[in-house]
Structure formats: structure tokens, C-alpha cells
Amino acid sequence: MRALDARLEQAGLLDLAMEEAGRAVADAVQDAFPEGRVLLLAGGGANGGDALVVARHLAALGRDVRVLAAPPRHPLTRANRKRLGAVGVRGAALSAAAVARESTAAAVLVDGLLGTGFTPPLRPELAEIVAAVNASGLPVVAIDLPTGLDATRADLVGETIEAALTVTLSGLKTALLFGPAAHRAGRVRLADLRLPPGWAQAEAFATRPTRAAVAGLLPTRFADAHKGTAGRVWVVGGHPGTAGAAALAGVGALRAGAGLVTVYSSAEVPLVMPELMIRQHEDVAGALAKAAAQGLPDALCIGMGLGPDAPALARLILSWGVPCVLDADALQPELAGLGHEGCVWTPHPGEAARLLACTTANVIRDPLAAARALQERYGGAVILKGGPSVVAHSGGLWVSRGGHPGMGSAGMGDTLAGVVAALLGQGLSSPNAALCAVTLHARAGERAGARHGYGLSASDVSGEVGGAWLDLVAG
């Protein structure tokens, strides 16, 4: 946002953008909290200027407004304070005591203290104001992001305002999408400012494809399709004690349209669906080599509950150059540099930390940077799983949409690996297969949540993949 603001300022458009932003926030306040006094807190920077514009528009709508403002530092903040005074609204000095006093008669509070330029920690006087806001019990509408959050981080550093609604400007920020930071934002409403075409996108680190866009990538099956043309998928996984992981991946592949799914394992994999073909071998590598000599599959997925043989088997499979998914035990640092354009790596944050030789906290702090680093190091496409997931590919980053909190349970990643493999087997590129898979998986989780409630199993979700597909296609 700072780069975009600089570009707007250079073009003489920043004042117009601030006016449009302020009106968008005022409309959001009016929609969500249409009655009672509005208490607005304006910092001295550009975020405070936005708050002053919000106050002016709310006053024009006939709302009772009170403004507490810090001394203006930004020239547009000074100008908008003057404009606010010209319409009869006077601001009082901002302090923790003033917030505590004024909040008793207010119905909603607008946070315009700090914006995207903030780097923690808060100064002591601002920390006191934040504490007073949170103690007030008022619903808070934050402008762009709640005060105290670093826009570029998903973790928390010190105290922040806890918002009920955040109206973010031009684009979503890392802090509003991921981790503990996103919990402080409440409901997020995106205000798409009318900027010159491409300006916001030029400054974006990632994009968030719509479900309609994802639907356009899904494979189409013709009437003469049969099991041999719908994608032959091999699942390599399972070990004594974790045999169910391979079965879940196989079911995910079937539910996502694979024509033939064969599971290779050293364990006795449960036949959870009779359509799965199970091949139990003590020497899985030998069995794979023998089968490959008769013809390679259209796609593979490897690693789910596979155990200590995973690195060697992953090396073998990567050497074939066949589209493949590497999950769980197959996510090993020694495979760096062996990836190819047809492979998809699917780590959760803990596995990503192992692959990047860093801490899990580092991955959680900046999932976008972690996903990009993984793709650069391992090649192909990467799904950094989470809520939401990030898809990294050589052309950039995508952030997924949707999902359900109940999906935080064992086996969800195994199911996702199978869905990705099925889409690879039907001819999608690794980036498109990854994006479609996480979108289908998330929508299936939403459907399962509506059916089963809070706690979900991987089987609940895989059973909804077909319905999720129909939902995407129907729009």
C-alpha cells in the first residue's frame, strides 16, 4: 500500500483516493451500525486523514459524530481536518482518557489511528489508547486494518485493537488473511477503490482468484470418456499404523474424477471403497519399478503415512517426470532441486519449516514469503496448507478462498493430495491442479460443515467433493 500511495501522490491522485476511501468506510459504518453516535479516532498520518473524511461523510448523512484527533503530520490529514471544521464538526485532542470519556455515549467506534505503514511495537501513549478502546466494549470499525497490526505479518506483536469490522482499501493484507492477526480484524469488507487499471495489481504480492475463475479451469469430460481416459492415478503411501492415510488419498482421487486409482503400500490398506485397487508389497520400490515397466500412470501422489521409505521412493518417482503430488513423509529437504514442472508439494506449516530449515513460527508469520521460498527451492507448484492455503508457482502466488474450521483434523491433507493427483491425471498443469484442488477441498469442507456441524472427518469432506464441483460450475 505504501508504494501505491506514493504512486497516487506522484500522480496528484492521493487526495481523490482518500476521499473515495473515506466515503467507502462511511457507507460500511452506515450499513453495519445505522444508529447512534459514532466516535472516530484519527491519527496524525494518512489513516487519520481517512478517518476525518469518514467523519465528514457520516455528518452529511445526519449522524451524530465525535472526533478525537492527534496532531496532523500528513498534509492531507491537515487539509481534511480543516474541511471537517468547515462543515461544523470540531475535533478534540486524542488521549486514552478522552476515549474512555467519549465512548460512554457512543454506539460504534471508528479506528483511524494507524495504517499499513506501522511497524510494531506501539508507542506507550498509543498502547494506552488501544487498551481504552478495547475496554470500552464498543464495536469497532477499523480503516484498512486494526491499529497495532503489522500489515505484512500474520502473527501478533503486542496489543492491537479488536475490530468487529475491517474495511480494507484496494486489496487484502497478510494480517487480514492469516494467523492470529486475522482474528483481530473481525469481518473484512474490501473497498475496491476506482484506481487506474492495473495500479493495485502491480503492487500486489498475491492474487485471490474467484470461484468463477477456478471453475473455468476444471477439466471437462465428454460423453465417450471411460476409465482409461479419465486419469490413471497411483497412490504410494501407508505404513503399519498409518495405512488409512493412503486410503484417504485414494478416495480423494476417486471423488475428484480419477478413472482408475491404485494404492501401493507395504501395509494392509483398508478397502474403504471397493473401487480402489490395493497392491500390498513388502518391496514397494520393486513393485513400482515392475509396474512402471508396463506403463506409467497419468499422475501419482506419494508420502501419505508412508514412513521411512518415503525419501527413496520420492526420488524414484520424481525421476520419471510424471505429474505427481508429494505430501507428508515425502516432503524432505534432500529432494530440493529434484522437482519438475509437473509436481506439486503440499506441506503444512510444520513441514514447510522442515523444508526451509526454519521455525514453524517463521512460516506462520509470513505464509506468502514461505510459499514463494518453497517454490523457488523445490520447483513445480506448492500448496502451503492453512486457513487459507497459498498456492505458489513460477508465475506468482494465489490465495485460496473458503473452508471450514472443522477441517482442522487428521486426514484432510491426505484427501487433498488425492484430489490434486486426480486433477493432474486429467491433464491440468501443476499450478491449475493445485488451485482447483484447494478450492474444491475448501468448498467440500463448507458443505460438510453445513451437514455435520463443527467437527468434521476427512471422509465427511471427501464425500462432498462432487457436490463442491457442481457448486463451482453452477457459480
Protein backbone atom coordinates (compact mmCIF):
# COMPACT_ATOMS: atom_id res chain seq x y z
CA MET A 1 0.00 0.00 0.00
CA ARG A 2 2.84 2.41 0.71
CA ALA A 3 4.13 2.01 -2.85
CA LEU A 4 0.63 2.51 -4.23
CA ASP A 5 0.11 5.62 -2.08
CA ALA A 6 3.41 7.01 -3.34
CA ARG A 7 2.35 6.43 -6.94
CA LEU A 8 -1.02 8.10 -6.33
CA GLU A 9 0.67 11.05 -4.64
CA GLN A 10 3.10 11.47 -7.52
CA ALA A 11 0.17 11.50 -9.95
CA GLY A 12 -1.77 14.02 -7.83
CA LEU A 13 -4.50 11.44 -7.14
CA LEU A 14 -3.95 10.66 -3.45
CA ASP A 15 -6.45 13.26 -2.27
CA LEU A 16 -9.14 11.80 -4.54
CA ALA A 17 -8.31 8.27 -3.39
CA MET A 18 -8.57 9.35 0.26
CA GLU A 19 -11.96 10.90 -0.43
CA GLU A 20 -13.21 7.72 -2.07
CA ALA A 21 -11.78 5.58 0.74
CA GLY A 22 -13.46 7.72 3.39
CA ARG A 23 -16.81 7.51 1.67
CA ALA A 24 -16.50 3.71 1.35
CA VAL A 25 -15.80 3.38 5.08
CA ALA A 26 -18.66 5.74 5.96
CA ASP A 27 -21.02 3.64 3.85
CA ALA A 28 -19.81 0.49 5.64
CA VAL A 29 -20.41 2.09 9.05
CA GLN A 30 -23.87 3.20 7.99
CA ASP A 31 -24.71 -0.30 6.69
CA ALA A 32 -23.46 -2.17 9.75
CA PHE A 33 -24.24 0.31 12.53
CA PRO A 34 -27.00 2.63 11.30
CA GLU A 35 -27.96 4.12 14.65
CA GLY A 36 -26.32 6.01 17.49
CA ARG A 37 -23.31 8.26 17.94
CA VAL A 38 -20.11 7.47 16.04
CA LEU A 39 -16.80 8.08 17.82
CA LEU A 40 -13.90 8.43 15.37
CA LEU A 41 -10.21 8.24 16.32
CA ALA A 42 -7.87 9.94 13.87
CA GLY A 43 -4.10 9.50 14.00
CA GLY A 44 -1.72 12.03 12.57
CA GLY A 45 -0.90 10.11 9.38
CA ALA A 46 -2.83 9.21 6.25
CA ASN A 47 -5.04 6.71 8.10
CA GLY A 48 -6.14 9.58 10.30
CA GLY A 49 -6.92 11.59 7.17
CA ASP A 50 -9.18 8.75 6.05
CA ALA A 51 -10.97 8.89 9.42
CA LEU A 52 -11.60 12.61 9.07
CA VAL A 53 -13.15 12.05 5.63
CA VAL A 54 -15.31 9.31 7.15
CA ALA A 55 -16.50 11.75 9.83
CA ARG A 56 -17.43 14.34 7.21
CA HIS A 57 -19.46 11.85 5.16
CA LEU A 58 -21.23 10.47 8.22
CA ALA A 59 -22.10 14.01 9.30
CA ALA A 60 -23.52 14.60 5.82
CA LEU A 61 -25.73 11.54 6.36
CA GLY A 62 -27.07 13.14 9.52
CA ARG A 63 -25.14 11.00 12.00
CA ASP A 64 -24.03 12.32 15.38
CA VAL A 65 -20.23 12.20 15.21
CA ARG A 66 -17.45 12.89 17.69
CA VAL A 67 -13.82 13.07 16.61
CA LEU A 68 -10.70 12.62 18.72
CA ALA A 69 -7.64 13.53 16.68
CA ALA A 70 -3.88 13.52 17.07
CA PRO A 71 -1.88 16.49 15.74
CA PRO A 72 -1.82 16.05 11.92
CA ARG A 73 1.50 15.08 10.32
CA HIS A 74 0.36 14.31 6.78
CA PRO A 75 -0.59 17.29 4.56
CA LEU A 76 -3.87 15.64 3.51
CA THR A 77 -4.73 14.96 7.14
CA ARG A 78 -4.28 18.67 7.86
CA ALA A 79 -6.43 19.56 4.84
CA ASN A 80 -9.21 17.16 5.82
CA ARG A 81 -9.23 18.41 9.39
CA LYS A 82 -9.83 21.89 8.01
CA ARG A 83 -12.60 20.59 5.72
CA LEU A 84 -14.25 18.84 8.64
CA GLY A 85 -14.24 22.03 10.65
CA ALA A 86 -15.76 23.88 7.72
CA VAL A 87 -18.88 21.69 7.93
CA GLY A 88 -19.22 22.30 11.65
CA VAL A 89 -17.52 19.24 13.15
CA ARG A 90 -14.76 20.06 15.64
CA GLY A 91 -12.27 17.53 16.86
CA ALA A 92 -10.95 17.19 20.40
CA ALA A 93 -7.49 16.05 21.47
CA LEU A 94 -6.85 12.32 21.32
CA SER A 95 -5.93 10.57 24.59
CA ALA A 96 -6.79 7.40 26.45
CA ALA A 97 -8.80 9.42 28.96
CA ALA A 98 -10.76 11.12 26.17
CA VAL A 99 -11.54 7.73 24.59
CA ALA A 100 -12.82 6.38 27.92
CA ARG A 101 -14.96 9.51 28.44
CA GLU A 102 -16.45 9.78 24.93
CA SER A 103 -17.09 6.06 24.46
CA THR A 104 -19.78 6.02 27.16
CA ALA A 105 -22.22 7.85 24.87
CA ALA A 106 -21.18 6.24 21.55
CA ALA A 107 -22.70 3.28 19.70
CA VAL A 108 -19.73 2.47 17.46
CA LEU A 109 -16.08 3.49 17.23
CA VAL A 110 -14.05 4.01 14.04
CA ASP A 111 -10.33 3.22 14.27
CA GLY A 112 -8.26 5.51 12.08
CA LEU A 113 -5.15 5.61 14.27
CA LEU A 114 -2.56 3.67 12.30
CA GLY A 115 -2.43 2.15 8.83
CA THR A 116 -0.22 -0.03 6.67
CA GLY A 117 2.90 2.00 7.38
CA PHE A 118 3.02 0.92 11.02
CA THR A 119 5.79 -1.31 12.35
CA PRO A 120 5.42 -2.66 15.93
CA PRO A 121 5.67 -2.00 18.78
CA LEU A 122 3.15 0.65 19.71
CA ARG A 123 4.37 3.75 21.49
CA PRO A 124 3.27 3.78 25.16
CA GLU A 125 0.68 6.51 24.65
CA LEU A 126 -0.87 4.64 21.71
CA ALA A 127 -0.85 1.40 23.68
CA GLU A 128 -2.91 3.17 26.36
CA ILE A 129 -5.39 4.36 23.74
CA VAL A 130 -5.67 0.84 22.29
CA ALA A 131 -6.35 -0.53 25.76
CA ALA A 132 -9.04 2.10 26.31
CA VAL A 133 -10.70 1.20 23.01
CA ASN A 134 -10.78 -2.50 23.84
CA ALA A 135 -12.05 -1.78 27.35
CA SER A 136 -14.91 0.36 26.00
CA GLY A 137 -16.89 -2.64 24.77
CA LEU A 138 -17.90 -0.72 21.65
CA PRO A 139 -17.96 -2.43 18.25
CA VAL A 140 -15.00 -1.12 16.26
CA VAL A 141 -14.79 -0.47 12.53
CA ALA A 142 -11.13 -0.40 11.52
CA ILE A 143 -9.92 1.55 8.50
CA ASP A 144 -7.67 -0.68 6.36
CA LEU A 145 -6.53 -2.79 9.36
CA PRO A 146 -6.87 -2.63 13.15
CA THR A 147 -4.33 -0.45 14.94
CA GLY A 148 -1.41 -2.48 16.26
CA LEU A 149 -1.26 -4.97 13.40
CA ASP A 150 1.68 -5.04 11.04
CA ALA A 151 0.08 -5.39 7.60
CA THR A 152 2.84 -7.75 6.42
CA ARG A 153 2.68 -10.22 9.33
CA ALA A 154 0.21 -12.89 10.39
CA ASP A 155 1.41 -13.01 13.99
CA LEU A 156 0.80 -10.57 16.84
CA VAL A 157 3.42 -8.27 18.31
CA GLY A 158 1.95 -6.57 21.36
CA GLU A 159 -1.56 -5.21 21.81
CA THR A 160 -3.95 -4.46 18.96
CA ILE A 161 -7.44 -3.11 18.60
CA GLU A 162 -10.01 -5.88 18.31
CA ALA A 163 -12.32 -4.90 15.46
CA ALA A 164 -15.81 -6.13 14.65
CA LEU A 165 -15.44 -4.98 11.04
CA THR A 166 -12.42 -4.00 8.98
CA VAL A 167 -12.88 -2.05 5.77
CA THR A 168 -9.68 -2.65 3.86
CA LEU A 169 -8.72 -0.47 0.93
CA SER A 170 -7.70 -1.58 -2.59
CA GLY A 171 -6.56 -5.05 -1.56
CA LEU A 172 -6.36 -7.56 1.26
CA LYS A 173 -3.31 -7.61 3.53
CA THR A 174 -1.43 -10.55 5.00
CA ALA A 175 -2.57 -9.58 8.51
CA LEU A 176 -6.23 -9.76 7.45
CA LEU A 177 -5.98 -13.24 5.94
CA PHE A 178 -3.71 -15.39 8.07
CA GLY A 179 -2.98 -16.49 11.60
CA PRO A 180 -3.73 -14.77 14.91
CA ALA A 181 -3.62 -11.35 13.26
CA ALA A 182 -6.70 -12.13 11.19
CA HIS A 183 -8.65 -12.93 14.36
CA ARG A 184 -8.37 -9.26 15.37
CA ALA A 185 -9.93 -7.98 12.15
CA GLY A 186 -13.46 -9.29 12.60
CA ARG A 187 -15.44 -9.38 9.39
CA VAL A 188 -13.42 -7.99 6.48
CA ARG A 189 -15.02 -5.86 3.79
CA LEU A 190 -12.97 -4.95 0.73
CA ALA A 191 -13.40 -1.44 -0.65
CA ASP A 192 -12.28 -1.57 -4.27
CA LEU A 193 -11.22 2.00 -4.96
CA ARG A 194 -11.53 3.19 -8.55
CA LEU A 195 -7.84 3.40 -9.31
CA PRO A 196 -6.21 3.48 -12.74
CA PRO A 197 -6.38 -0.04 -14.25
CA GLY A 198 -3.63 -2.32 -13.02
CA TRP A 199 -2.16 0.01 -10.38
CA ALA A 200 -3.28 -2.02 -7.38
CA GLN A 201 -2.43 -5.31 -9.10
CA ALA A 202 1.06 -4.05 -9.89
CA GLU A 203 1.77 -3.69 -6.17
CA ALA A 204 0.10 -6.97 -5.13
CA PHE A 205 2.21 -9.82 -3.74
CA ALA A 206 -0.54 -12.33 -4.49
CA THR A 207 -3.96 -12.61 -6.08
CA ARG A 208 -7.13 -14.33 -4.90
CA PRO A 209 -8.90 -15.96 -7.85
CA THR A 210 -12.68 -16.02 -7.74
CA ARG A 211 -14.51 -19.31 -7.67
CA ALA A 212 -15.86 -18.49 -11.13
CA ALA A 213 -12.29 -18.20 -12.42
CA VAL A 214 -11.39 -21.53 -10.81
CA ALA A 215 -14.46 -23.17 -12.33
CA GLY A 216 -13.18 -22.20 -15.76
CA LEU A 217 -10.04 -24.26 -15.14
CA LEU A 218 -11.80 -27.51 -14.22
CA PRO A 219 -11.46 -30.35 -16.75
CA THR A 220 -14.42 -31.20 -18.98
CA ARG A 221 -15.35 -34.80 -19.62
CA PHE A 222 -17.01 -35.80 -22.89
CA ALA A 223 -19.70 -38.43 -23.35
CA ASP A 224 -17.27 -41.00 -24.74
CA ALA A 225 -14.95 -40.82 -21.71
CA HIS A 226 -14.03 -44.07 -19.96
CA LYS A 227 -11.86 -45.17 -17.05
CA GLY A 228 -8.76 -45.26 -19.23
CA THR A 229 -9.13 -41.67 -20.38
CA ALA A 230 -10.31 -40.14 -17.07
CA GLY A 231 -6.86 -40.39 -15.47
CA ARG A 232 -4.92 -43.32 -14.01
CA VAL A 233 -3.59 -42.40 -10.56
CA TRP A 234 -1.17 -44.31 -8.36
CA VAL A 235 -1.16 -43.64 -4.62
CA VAL A 236 2.06 -44.59 -2.81
CA GLY A 237 1.59 -44.48 0.94
CA GLY A 238 0.68 -46.25 4.11
CA HIS A 239 2.82 -47.97 6.71
CA PRO A 240 1.84 -50.17 9.66
CA GLY A 241 -0.10 -47.86 11.93
CA THR A 242 -0.79 -45.21 9.27
CA ALA A 243 -2.36 -47.27 6.49
CA GLY A 244 -5.53 -45.20 6.48
CA ALA A 245 -3.70 -42.18 5.05
CA ALA A 246 -3.21 -43.92 1.71
CA ALA A 247 -6.86 -44.96 1.63
CA LEU A 248 -8.00 -41.38 2.24
CA ALA A 249 -5.82 -40.13 -0.62
CA GLY A 250 -7.26 -42.81 -2.89
CA VAL A 251 -10.81 -41.81 -2.03
CA GLY A 252 -9.97 -38.15 -2.66
CA ALA A 253 -8.67 -39.07 -6.11
CA LEU A 254 -11.79 -41.08 -6.95
CA ARG A 255 -14.12 -38.35 -5.75
CA ALA A 256 -12.28 -35.80 -7.92
CA GLY A 257 -12.83 -37.86 -11.06
CA ALA A 258 -9.85 -40.18 -11.46
CA GLY A 259 -10.79 -43.13 -13.67
CA LEU A 260 -8.53 -45.73 -12.04
CA VAL A 261 -6.84 -45.45 -8.64
CA THR A 262 -4.25 -47.99 -7.50
CA VAL A 263 -2.76 -47.88 -3.99
CA TYR A 264 0.75 -49.28 -3.48
CA SER A 265 1.71 -49.89 0.14
CA SER A 266 3.73 -52.14 2.42
CA ALA A 267 0.79 -52.09 4.84
CA GLU A 268 -2.64 -53.64 4.69
CA VAL A 269 -4.62 -50.63 3.47
CA PRO A 270 -8.33 -50.73 4.39
CA LEU A 271 -10.64 -51.08 1.39
CA VAL A 272 -12.83 -48.13 2.31
CA MET A 273 -14.24 -48.03 -1.23
CA PRO A 274 -14.46 -51.16 -3.38
CA GLU A 275 -13.46 -49.11 -6.42
CA LEU A 276 -9.92 -48.72 -5.02
CA MET A 277 -7.34 -51.22 -6.23
CA ILE A 278 -4.97 -52.17 -3.40
CA ARG A 279 -1.49 -53.58 -4.07
CA GLN A 280 0.31 -54.64 -0.89
CA HIS A 281 4.03 -55.36 -1.37
CA GLU A 282 6.88 -55.80 1.06
CA ASP A 283 9.16 -54.25 -1.59
CA VAL A 284 7.19 -51.23 -2.77
CA ALA A 285 10.07 -49.85 -4.83
CA GLY A 286 10.39 -53.12 -6.72
CA ALA A 287 6.65 -53.31 -7.29
CA LEU A 288 6.58 -49.75 -8.63
CA ALA A 289 9.51 -50.39 -10.98
CA LYS A 290 7.83 -53.51 -12.32
CA ALA A 291 4.51 -51.71 -12.84
CA ALA A 292 6.25 -48.72 -14.46
CA ALA A 293 7.90 -51.04 -16.98
CA GLN A 294 4.41 -51.89 -18.24
CA GLY A 295 3.35 -48.24 -18.43
CA LEU A 296 3.41 -45.18 -16.21
CA PRO A 297 0.24 -43.67 -14.75
CA ASP A 298 -1.09 -40.24 -15.64
CA ALA A 299 -0.30 -38.99 -12.12
CA LEU A 300 0.89 -40.15 -8.71
CA CYS A 301 0.72 -39.00 -5.14
CA ILE A 302 3.24 -40.16 -2.57
CA GLY A 303 4.03 -39.75 1.10
CA MET A 304 0.75 -40.11 3.00
CA GLY A 305 1.64 -42.25 6.02
CA LEU A 306 4.48 -43.79 4.02
CA GLY A 307 7.13 -43.86 6.72
CA PRO A 308 10.93 -44.11 6.40
CA ASP A 309 10.95 -45.38 2.80
CA ALA A 310 9.43 -42.12 1.56
CA PRO A 311 12.60 -40.21 0.52
CA ALA A 312 13.98 -43.01 -1.66
CA LEU A 313 10.60 -43.70 -3.24
CA ALA A 314 10.05 -40.00 -3.88
CA ARG A 315 13.41 -39.79 -5.67
CA LEU A 316 12.38 -42.70 -7.87
CA ILE A 317 9.03 -41.16 -8.74
CA LEU A 318 10.48 -37.72 -9.41
CA SER A 319 12.98 -39.28 -11.82
CA TRP A 320 10.10 -40.48 -14.01
CA GLY A 321 8.99 -36.90 -14.72
CA VAL A 322 5.33 -37.89 -14.33
CA PRO A 323 2.90 -35.36 -12.76
CA CYS A 324 2.96 -36.08 -9.05
CA VAL A 325 1.98 -34.86 -5.60
CA LEU A 326 4.47 -35.02 -2.72
CA ASP A 327 2.86 -34.96 0.70
CA ALA A 328 3.65 -35.76 4.34
CA ASP A 329 6.64 -38.16 4.63
CA ALA A 330 7.72 -37.37 1.05
CA LEU A 331 8.36 -33.73 1.97
CA GLN A 332 12.07 -33.99 2.68
CA PRO A 333 14.86 -31.37 2.35
CA GLU A 334 17.07 -33.80 0.44
CA LEU A 335 14.67 -33.54 -2.52
CA ALA A 336 15.48 -29.86 -3.13
CA GLY A 337 16.32 -29.30 -6.77
CA LEU A 338 14.73 -32.55 -7.95
CA GLY A 339 11.28 -31.14 -8.62
CA HIS A 340 9.93 -30.59 -12.12
CA GLU A 341 7.13 -28.51 -13.59
CA GLY A 342 4.59 -31.30 -13.14
CA CYS A 343 5.00 -31.80 -9.40
CA VAL A 344 3.01 -30.32 -6.51
CA TRP A 345 4.38 -30.11 -2.96
CA THR A 346 1.74 -29.93 -0.21
CA PRO A 347 3.28 -29.03 3.19
CA HIS A 348 1.53 -27.72 6.26
CA PRO A 349 3.47 -25.04 8.20
CA GLY A 350 5.43 -27.58 10.27
CA GLU A 351 6.51 -29.50 7.17
CA ALA A 352 7.29 -26.24 5.40
CA ALA A 353 9.60 -25.28 8.27
CA ARG A 354 11.44 -28.58 7.86
CA LEU A 355 11.83 -27.99 4.11
CA LEU A 356 13.08 -24.43 4.63
CA ALA A 357 15.24 -25.17 7.70
CA CYS A 358 13.46 -22.52 9.75
CA THR A 359 10.95 -22.45 12.59
CA THR A 360 7.24 -23.04 12.20
CA ALA A 361 6.70 -19.59 13.69
CA ASN A 362 8.64 -18.07 10.79
CA VAL A 363 6.38 -19.82 8.29
CA ILE A 364 3.21 -18.74 10.10
CA ARG A 365 4.48 -15.15 10.38
CA ASP A 366 4.63 -14.71 6.60
CA PRO A 367 2.95 -17.54 4.66
CA LEU A 368 3.30 -15.73 1.33
CA ALA A 369 7.08 -15.41 1.64
CA ALA A 370 7.36 -19.01 2.85
CA ALA A 371 5.33 -20.36 -0.08
CA ARG A 372 7.42 -18.37 -2.54
CA ALA A 373 10.66 -19.64 -0.98
CA LEU A 374 9.43 -23.24 -1.14
CA GLN A 375 8.56 -22.96 -4.82
CA GLU A 376 11.92 -21.41 -5.67
CA ARG A 377 13.78 -24.14 -3.80
CA TYR A 378 11.76 -27.20 -4.79
CA GLY A 379 10.21 -26.30 -8.16
CA GLY A 380 6.82 -27.14 -9.62
CA ALA A 381 3.90 -25.77 -7.62
CA VAL A 382 3.48 -25.57 -3.85
CA ILE A 383 0.35 -25.68 -1.71
CA LEU A 384 1.19 -24.24 1.70
CA LYS A 385 -1.81 -25.56 3.58
CA GLY A 386 -3.66 -23.40 6.07
CA GLY A 387 -6.69 -21.25 6.54
CA PRO A 388 -6.44 -20.01 3.82
CA SER A 389 -3.98 -22.03 1.74
CA VAL A 390 -1.40 -20.42 -0.54
CA VAL A 391 -0.53 -21.77 -3.98
CA ALA A 392 2.92 -20.78 -5.22
CA HIS A 393 4.02 -21.29 -8.82
CA SER A 394 6.66 -19.83 -11.09
CA GLY A 395 4.25 -17.07 -12.16
CA GLY A 396 3.31 -15.85 -8.70
CA LEU A 397 1.10 -16.57 -5.69
CA TRP A 398 -2.58 -17.37 -5.28
CA VAL A 399 -4.51 -17.28 -2.00
CA SER A 400 -7.43 -19.68 -1.77
CA ARG A 401 -10.96 -18.88 -0.65
CA GLY A 402 -13.33 -20.62 1.72
CA GLY A 403 -13.06 -23.63 4.00
CA HIS A 404 -14.45 -24.54 7.43
CA PRO A 405 -12.86 -24.55 10.91
CA GLY A 406 -13.90 -28.17 11.36
CA MET A 407 -11.34 -29.14 8.72
CA GLY A 408 -8.61 -28.90 11.34
CA SER A 409 -8.48 -32.68 11.82
CA ALA A 410 -6.37 -35.64 10.75
CA GLY A 411 -6.55 -36.88 7.18
CA MET A 412 -7.63 -33.65 5.49
CA GLY A 413 -4.24 -33.27 3.80
CA ASP A 414 -4.31 -36.89 2.61
CA THR A 415 -7.66 -36.26 0.94
CA LEU A 416 -6.36 -33.05 -0.64
CA ALA A 417 -3.32 -34.89 -2.05
CA GLY A 418 -5.63 -37.33 -3.79
CA VAL A 419 -7.74 -34.52 -5.25
CA VAL A 420 -4.64 -32.81 -6.64
CA ALA A 421 -3.42 -36.08 -8.17
CA ALA A 422 -6.79 -36.68 -9.84
CA LEU A 423 -6.72 -33.25 -11.46
CA LEU A 424 -3.13 -33.74 -12.62
CA GLY A 425 -4.19 -37.07 -14.11
CA GLN A 426 -6.95 -35.31 -16.04
CA GLY A 427 -4.44 -33.03 -17.71
CA LEU A 428 -4.31 -29.88 -15.61
CA SER A 429 -0.98 -28.13 -15.13
CA SER A 430 0.50 -28.30 -11.65
CA PRO A 431 -0.47 -24.69 -10.73
CA ASN A 432 -4.03 -25.09 -12.01
CA ALA A 433 -4.43 -28.52 -10.40
CA ALA A 434 -3.24 -27.09 -7.09
CA LEU A 435 -5.58 -24.09 -7.25
CA CYS A 436 -8.61 -26.14 -8.31
CA ALA A 437 -7.89 -28.77 -5.65
CA VAL A 438 -7.66 -26.35 -2.73
CA THR A 439 -10.82 -24.59 -3.92
CA LEU A 440 -12.77 -27.84 -4.29
CA HIS A 441 -11.45 -29.09 -0.94
CA ALA A 442 -12.44 -25.85 0.81
CA ARG A 443 -15.91 -25.83 -0.69
CA ALA A 444 -16.35 -29.51 0.19
CA GLY A 445 -15.43 -28.59 3.77
CA GLU A 446 -18.10 -25.88 3.80
CA ARG A 447 -20.69 -28.35 2.55
CA ALA A 448 -19.62 -30.95 5.11
CA GLY A 449 -19.79 -28.31 7.85
CA ALA A 450 -23.37 -27.45 6.88
CA ARG A 451 -24.28 -31.13 7.02
CA HIS A 452 -22.35 -32.37 10.06
CA GLY A 453 -21.61 -29.30 12.15
CA TYR A 454 -18.38 -28.33 13.86
CA GLY A 455 -16.27 -31.49 13.99
CA LEU A 456 -15.50 -32.93 10.56
CA SER A 457 -13.66 -36.02 9.39
CA ALA A 458 -11.71 -36.32 6.16
CA SER A 459 -14.31 -38.82 4.96
CA ASP A 460 -17.05 -36.22 5.53
CA VAL A 461 -15.16 -33.82 3.28
CA SER A 462 -14.25 -36.29 0.52
CA GLY A 463 -17.92 -37.24 0.28
CA GLU A 464 -18.73 -33.62 -0.63
CA VAL A 465 -16.11 -33.13 -3.37
CA GLY A 466 -18.57 -33.97 -6.14
CA GLY A 467 -21.12 -31.52 -4.80
CA ALA A 468 -18.41 -28.88 -4.46
CA TRP A 469 -17.53 -29.39 -8.12
CA LEU A 470 -21.16 -28.81 -9.10
CA ASP A 471 -21.28 -25.69 -6.93
CA LEU A 472 -18.24 -24.20 -8.66
CA VAL A 473 -19.56 -24.94 -12.14
CA ALA A 474 -23.01 -23.57 -11.28
CA GLY A 475 -21.43 -20.35 -9.99
